[in-house]
N, C-alpha and C. Protein backbone atom coordinates (compact mmCIF):
# COMPACT_ATOMS: atom_id res chain seq x y z
N UNK A 1 0.84 -1.17 0.00
CA UNK A 1 0.00 0.00 0.00
C UNK A 1 0.89 1.24 0.00
N UNK A 2 0.71 2.09 -0.99
CA UNK A 2 1.48 3.32 -1.09
C UNK A 2 0.61 4.51 -0.70
N UNK A 3 1.21 5.41 0.03
CA UNK A 3 0.53 6.64 0.43
C UNK A 3 1.54 7.78 0.41
N UNK A 4 1.04 9.02 0.38
CA UNK A 4 1.89 10.22 0.47
C UNK A 4 1.33 11.10 1.57
N UNK A 5 2.15 11.34 2.59
CA UNK A 5 1.73 12.09 3.77
C UNK A 5 2.36 13.47 3.80
N UNK A 6 1.60 14.49 4.23
CA UNK A 6 2.20 15.81 4.38
C UNK A 6 3.15 15.84 5.58
N UNK A 7 4.27 16.50 5.38
CA UNK A 7 5.27 16.66 6.42
C UNK A 7 5.63 18.14 6.48
N UNK A 8 5.67 18.69 7.69
CA UNK A 8 6.01 20.09 7.88
C UNK A 8 7.47 20.16 8.33
N UNK A 9 8.28 20.85 7.54
CA UNK A 9 9.72 20.95 7.82
C UNK A 9 10.06 22.37 8.24
N UNK A 10 10.82 22.46 9.31
CA UNK A 10 11.25 23.75 9.85
C UNK A 10 12.75 23.75 10.00
N UNK A 11 13.38 24.84 9.62
CA UNK A 11 14.83 25.00 9.81
C UNK A 11 15.09 25.30 11.28
N UNK A 12 15.99 24.54 11.86
CA UNK A 12 16.42 24.75 13.25
C UNK A 12 17.90 25.12 13.22
N UNK A 13 18.43 25.52 14.36
CA UNK A 13 19.85 25.90 14.44
C UNK A 13 20.78 24.77 14.04
N UNK A 14 20.44 23.55 14.44
CA UNK A 14 21.34 22.42 14.21
C UNK A 14 20.82 21.44 13.16
N UNK A 15 19.87 21.84 12.34
CA UNK A 15 19.36 20.95 11.29
C UNK A 15 17.94 21.30 10.92
N UNK A 16 17.13 20.27 10.66
CA UNK A 16 15.76 20.46 10.21
C UNK A 16 14.83 19.57 11.04
N UNK A 17 13.72 20.16 11.46
CA UNK A 17 12.71 19.49 12.26
C UNK A 17 11.57 19.10 11.33
N UNK A 18 11.13 17.83 11.39
CA UNK A 18 10.04 17.36 10.53
C UNK A 18 8.90 16.87 11.40
N UNK A 19 7.73 17.45 11.20
CA UNK A 19 6.53 17.07 11.93
C UNK A 19 5.59 16.34 10.98
N UNK A 20 5.03 15.23 11.45
CA UNK A 20 4.13 14.41 10.63
C UNK A 20 2.77 14.41 11.31
N UNK A 21 1.89 15.35 10.94
CA UNK A 21 0.63 15.54 11.65
C UNK A 21 -0.29 14.31 11.66
N UNK A 22 -0.37 13.57 10.56
CA UNK A 22 -1.28 12.43 10.51
C UNK A 22 -0.94 11.35 11.54
N UNK A 23 0.30 11.27 11.94
CA UNK A 23 0.74 10.28 12.92
C UNK A 23 1.04 10.91 14.28
N UNK A 24 0.99 12.23 14.34
CA UNK A 24 1.32 12.95 15.57
C UNK A 24 2.72 12.58 16.07
N UNK A 25 3.67 12.55 15.14
CA UNK A 25 5.05 12.25 15.50
C UNK A 25 5.97 13.27 14.84
N UNK A 26 7.18 13.37 15.38
CA UNK A 26 8.18 14.29 14.88
C UNK A 26 9.51 13.56 14.72
N UNK A 27 10.36 14.11 13.86
CA UNK A 27 11.70 13.60 13.70
C UNK A 27 12.57 14.76 13.27
N UNK A 28 13.83 14.50 13.00
CA UNK A 28 14.71 15.58 12.57
C UNK A 28 15.78 15.02 11.65
N UNK A 29 16.45 15.93 10.95
CA UNK A 29 17.53 15.54 10.05
C UNK A 29 18.57 16.63 9.96
N UNK A 30 19.71 16.27 9.39
CA UNK A 30 20.81 17.21 9.26
C UNK A 30 20.64 18.13 8.05
N UNK A 31 19.80 17.71 7.10
CA UNK A 31 19.50 18.50 5.91
C UNK A 31 18.04 18.27 5.57
N UNK A 32 17.52 19.00 4.60
CA UNK A 32 16.13 18.80 4.19
C UNK A 32 15.96 17.37 3.67
N UNK A 33 16.88 16.93 2.84
CA UNK A 33 16.80 15.58 2.28
C UNK A 33 16.84 14.54 3.39
N UNK A 34 17.71 14.73 4.36
CA UNK A 34 17.82 13.79 5.48
C UNK A 34 16.55 13.83 6.33
N UNK A 35 15.98 15.00 6.54
CA UNK A 35 14.74 15.12 7.32
C UNK A 35 13.59 14.40 6.62
N UNK A 36 13.53 14.49 5.30
CA UNK A 36 12.49 13.78 4.53
C UNK A 36 12.69 12.28 4.65
N UNK A 37 13.93 11.82 4.55
CA UNK A 37 14.22 10.39 4.70
C UNK A 37 13.86 9.91 6.11
N UNK A 38 14.17 10.72 7.11
CA UNK A 38 13.84 10.35 8.49
C UNK A 38 12.32 10.33 8.68
N UNK A 39 11.61 11.25 8.04
CA UNK A 39 10.15 11.27 8.12
C UNK A 39 9.57 10.02 7.48
N UNK A 40 10.10 9.64 6.32
CA UNK A 40 9.64 8.42 5.63
C UNK A 40 9.84 7.20 6.55
N UNK A 41 11.01 7.15 7.18
CA UNK A 41 11.32 6.04 8.08
C UNK A 41 10.37 6.04 9.29
N UNK A 42 10.11 7.20 9.85
CA UNK A 42 9.21 7.30 11.00
C UNK A 42 7.79 6.87 10.63
N UNK A 43 7.33 7.31 9.47
CA UNK A 43 5.99 6.93 9.00
C UNK A 43 5.93 5.42 8.79
N UNK A 44 6.95 4.87 8.14
CA UNK A 44 6.97 3.43 7.89
C UNK A 44 6.95 2.62 9.17
N UNK A 45 7.80 3.01 10.13
CA UNK A 45 7.84 2.29 11.42
C UNK A 45 6.52 2.40 12.16
N UNK A 46 5.97 3.61 12.21
CA UNK A 46 4.70 3.81 12.91
C UNK A 46 3.58 3.02 12.23
N UNK A 47 3.59 3.02 10.90
CA UNK A 47 2.56 2.29 10.16
C UNK A 47 2.58 0.79 10.44
N UNK A 48 3.77 0.18 10.41
CA UNK A 48 3.81 -1.26 10.67
C UNK A 48 3.55 -1.57 12.14
N UNK A 49 3.93 -0.66 13.05
CA UNK A 49 3.58 -0.85 14.46
C UNK A 49 2.07 -0.84 14.65
N UNK A 50 1.40 0.09 13.99
CA UNK A 50 -0.06 0.15 14.08
C UNK A 50 -0.69 -1.12 13.52
N UNK A 51 -0.21 -1.56 12.36
CA UNK A 51 -0.74 -2.79 11.76
C UNK A 51 -0.51 -3.99 12.67
N UNK A 52 0.67 -4.09 13.25
CA UNK A 52 0.98 -5.20 14.16
C UNK A 52 0.06 -5.19 15.37
N UNK A 53 -0.38 -4.00 15.78
CA UNK A 53 -1.29 -3.88 16.92
C UNK A 53 -2.76 -4.01 16.50
N UNK A 54 -3.01 -4.29 15.22
CA UNK A 54 -4.37 -4.45 14.73
C UNK A 54 -5.11 -3.15 14.54
N UNK A 55 -4.38 -2.03 14.45
CA UNK A 55 -5.00 -0.72 14.27
C UNK A 55 -4.84 -0.26 12.82
N UNK A 56 -5.69 0.67 12.43
CA UNK A 56 -5.62 1.21 11.07
C UNK A 56 -4.54 2.26 10.95
N UNK A 57 -3.91 2.28 9.79
CA UNK A 57 -2.94 3.33 9.47
C UNK A 57 -3.74 4.57 9.07
N UNK A 58 -3.41 5.74 9.63
CA UNK A 58 -4.16 6.95 9.27
C UNK A 58 -4.06 7.25 7.77
N UNK A 59 -5.12 7.77 7.25
CA UNK A 59 -5.12 8.22 5.85
C UNK A 59 -4.38 9.54 5.75
N UNK A 60 -3.74 9.80 4.61
CA UNK A 60 -3.08 11.10 4.43
C UNK A 60 -4.09 12.24 4.56
N UNK A 61 -3.62 13.34 5.12
CA UNK A 61 -4.44 14.54 5.33
C UNK A 61 -5.61 14.31 6.27
N UNK A 62 -5.46 13.34 7.19
CA UNK A 62 -6.52 13.11 8.18
C UNK A 62 -6.49 14.18 9.27
N UNK A 63 -5.38 14.89 9.35
CA UNK A 63 -5.23 16.00 10.29
C UNK A 63 -4.92 17.25 9.48
N UNK A 64 -5.62 18.33 9.80
CA UNK A 64 -5.38 19.59 9.09
C UNK A 64 -4.00 20.12 9.46
N UNK A 65 -3.25 20.49 8.43
CA UNK A 65 -1.90 21.02 8.62
C UNK A 65 -1.98 22.53 8.75
N UNK A 66 -1.48 23.04 9.88
CA UNK A 66 -1.43 24.48 10.09
C UNK A 66 0.03 24.88 10.22
N UNK A 67 0.42 25.84 9.40
CA UNK A 67 1.81 26.28 9.42
C UNK A 67 1.89 27.79 9.46
N UNK A 68 3.02 28.26 9.93
CA UNK A 68 3.28 29.69 9.96
C UNK A 68 4.38 30.01 8.97
N UNK A 69 5.05 31.13 9.19
CA UNK A 69 6.15 31.52 8.32
C UNK A 69 7.35 30.61 8.57
N UNK A 70 8.21 30.52 7.57
CA UNK A 70 9.44 29.73 7.63
C UNK A 70 9.20 28.23 7.79
N UNK A 71 8.03 27.77 7.38
CA UNK A 71 7.72 26.35 7.39
C UNK A 71 7.59 25.89 5.94
N UNK A 72 7.98 24.68 5.66
CA UNK A 72 7.80 24.09 4.34
C UNK A 72 6.95 22.85 4.51
N UNK A 73 5.91 22.74 3.71
CA UNK A 73 5.08 21.54 3.73
C UNK A 73 5.38 20.77 2.45
N UNK A 74 5.71 19.50 2.61
CA UNK A 74 5.99 18.64 1.47
C UNK A 74 5.29 17.32 1.67
N UNK A 75 5.16 16.56 0.60
CA UNK A 75 4.58 15.23 0.70
C UNK A 75 5.71 14.20 0.73
N UNK A 76 5.57 13.21 1.59
CA UNK A 76 6.54 12.13 1.68
C UNK A 76 5.80 10.84 1.36
N UNK A 77 6.29 10.14 0.34
CA UNK A 77 5.65 8.89 -0.05
C UNK A 77 6.23 7.71 0.72
N UNK A 78 5.35 6.76 1.05
CA UNK A 78 5.75 5.57 1.78
C UNK A 78 5.02 4.38 1.16
N UNK A 79 5.77 3.33 0.85
CA UNK A 79 5.19 2.07 0.41
C UNK A 79 5.26 1.14 1.62
N UNK A 80 4.15 0.99 2.33
CA UNK A 80 4.14 0.22 3.56
C UNK A 80 4.50 -1.25 3.33
N UNK A 81 4.07 -1.81 2.20
CA UNK A 81 4.38 -3.21 1.90
C UNK A 81 5.88 -3.37 1.72
N UNK A 82 6.49 -2.50 0.95
CA UNK A 82 7.94 -2.56 0.74
C UNK A 82 8.68 -2.28 2.04
N UNK A 83 8.20 -1.33 2.81
CA UNK A 83 8.85 -0.99 4.07
C UNK A 83 8.80 -2.18 5.03
N UNK A 84 7.66 -2.84 5.07
CA UNK A 84 7.51 -4.00 5.94
C UNK A 84 8.54 -5.07 5.57
N UNK A 85 8.70 -5.32 4.29
CA UNK A 85 9.68 -6.31 3.83
C UNK A 85 11.09 -5.90 4.22
N UNK A 86 11.37 -4.62 4.15
CA UNK A 86 12.71 -4.10 4.42
C UNK A 86 13.11 -4.27 5.88
N UNK A 87 12.17 -4.01 6.79
CA UNK A 87 12.53 -3.98 8.21
C UNK A 87 12.16 -5.23 8.99
N UNK A 88 11.31 -6.07 8.43
CA UNK A 88 10.86 -7.23 9.19
C UNK A 88 11.43 -8.51 8.59
N UNK A 89 12.65 -8.81 8.94
CA UNK A 89 13.33 -9.99 8.41
C UNK A 89 13.41 -11.11 9.44
N UNK A 90 12.41 -11.18 10.31
CA UNK A 90 12.39 -12.26 11.29
C UNK A 90 12.28 -13.60 10.57
N UNK A 91 12.98 -14.58 11.09
CA UNK A 91 12.85 -15.94 10.56
C UNK A 91 11.66 -16.60 11.23
N UNK A 92 10.86 -17.27 10.44
CA UNK A 92 9.69 -17.99 10.94
C UNK A 92 9.84 -19.44 10.52
N UNK A 93 9.73 -20.34 11.47
CA UNK A 93 9.87 -21.75 11.18
C UNK A 93 8.57 -22.30 10.61
N UNK A 94 8.68 -22.99 9.47
CA UNK A 94 7.54 -23.62 8.82
C UNK A 94 7.89 -25.08 8.57
N UNK A 95 6.95 -25.95 8.76
CA UNK A 95 7.14 -27.36 8.44
C UNK A 95 6.52 -27.64 7.09
N UNK A 96 7.18 -28.49 6.31
CA UNK A 96 6.58 -28.92 5.05
C UNK A 96 6.87 -30.41 4.88
N UNK A 97 6.09 -31.07 4.07
CA UNK A 97 6.23 -32.51 3.86
C UNK A 97 6.62 -32.76 2.42
N UNK A 98 7.67 -33.58 2.24
CA UNK A 98 8.08 -33.99 0.89
C UNK A 98 8.25 -35.50 0.90
N UNK A 99 8.33 -36.07 -0.27
CA UNK A 99 8.52 -37.52 -0.40
C UNK A 99 9.86 -37.93 0.16
N UNK A 100 9.92 -39.15 0.71
CA UNK A 100 11.16 -39.65 1.29
C UNK A 100 12.28 -39.67 0.27
N UNK A 101 12.00 -40.20 -0.93
CA UNK A 101 13.04 -40.29 -1.96
C UNK A 101 13.58 -38.92 -2.34
N UNK A 102 12.67 -37.92 -2.37
CA UNK A 102 13.09 -36.57 -2.71
C UNK A 102 13.99 -35.99 -1.62
N UNK A 103 13.66 -36.27 -0.38
CA UNK A 103 14.48 -35.84 0.74
C UNK A 103 15.88 -36.44 0.66
N UNK A 104 15.96 -37.75 0.36
CA UNK A 104 17.26 -38.43 0.25
C UNK A 104 18.10 -37.80 -0.84
N UNK A 105 17.50 -37.59 -2.00
CA UNK A 105 18.24 -37.01 -3.13
C UNK A 105 18.68 -35.57 -2.84
N UNK A 106 17.82 -34.80 -2.22
CA UNK A 106 18.15 -33.41 -1.90
C UNK A 106 19.28 -33.34 -0.88
N UNK A 107 19.23 -34.20 0.13
CA UNK A 107 20.31 -34.21 1.13
C UNK A 107 21.63 -34.65 0.53
N UNK A 108 21.61 -35.62 -0.40
CA UNK A 108 22.83 -36.06 -1.10
C UNK A 108 23.44 -34.88 -1.87
N UNK A 109 22.58 -34.05 -2.41
CA UNK A 109 23.04 -32.91 -3.23
C UNK A 109 23.41 -31.70 -2.37
N UNK A 110 23.17 -31.79 -1.06
CA UNK A 110 23.51 -30.67 -0.18
C UNK A 110 22.58 -29.48 -0.34
N UNK A 111 21.33 -29.75 -0.69
CA UNK A 111 20.37 -28.67 -0.91
C UNK A 111 19.92 -28.08 0.42
N UNK A 112 19.90 -26.75 0.49
CA UNK A 112 19.41 -26.03 1.66
C UNK A 112 17.90 -25.83 1.45
N UNK A 113 17.10 -26.60 2.18
CA UNK A 113 15.65 -26.57 2.00
C UNK A 113 15.06 -25.18 2.24
N UNK A 114 15.51 -24.51 3.28
CA UNK A 114 14.99 -23.19 3.61
C UNK A 114 15.27 -22.20 2.48
N UNK A 115 16.48 -22.25 1.95
CA UNK A 115 16.86 -21.32 0.88
C UNK A 115 16.02 -21.56 -0.37
N UNK A 116 15.84 -22.82 -0.73
CA UNK A 116 15.06 -23.16 -1.92
C UNK A 116 13.61 -22.68 -1.76
N UNK A 117 13.04 -22.93 -0.59
CA UNK A 117 11.66 -22.51 -0.35
C UNK A 117 11.52 -20.99 -0.38
N UNK A 118 12.46 -20.27 0.27
CA UNK A 118 12.41 -18.81 0.27
C UNK A 118 12.49 -18.26 -1.15
N UNK A 119 13.44 -18.77 -1.94
CA UNK A 119 13.60 -18.29 -3.31
C UNK A 119 12.37 -18.58 -4.15
N UNK A 120 11.77 -19.76 -3.97
CA UNK A 120 10.57 -20.10 -4.73
C UNK A 120 9.41 -19.19 -4.35
N UNK A 121 9.26 -18.92 -3.06
CA UNK A 121 8.16 -18.05 -2.63
C UNK A 121 8.36 -16.61 -3.10
N UNK A 122 9.60 -16.14 -3.15
CA UNK A 122 9.84 -14.77 -3.63
C UNK A 122 9.56 -14.63 -5.12
N UNK A 123 9.75 -15.70 -5.86
CA UNK A 123 9.44 -15.65 -7.29
C UNK A 123 7.95 -15.64 -7.50
């Protein structure tokens, strides 16, 4: 699921402050580009945390953005599906059943069952 969220960026003495109103969270960066990357990361982490807790991810512009002078509002895109894949690399044990003869042949060949299954599922 891809979304684009408004982010309010403010210049601070030591970098840039990024506020993400839809999630009610803030982050910061050393440059505008870094602040946007940090905002994307914060949105991604918060989104998968909400999903893991069985809660809905807020829709973009669910909170009205109010800004004053010296503020920049930009949109930050996040692909939650891709982000989830990137950060959640936990190993999960799965059992599967194969024929005895196939098991014997695979073990003779030194086949890594987990690797073969992972590669097949990714394809």
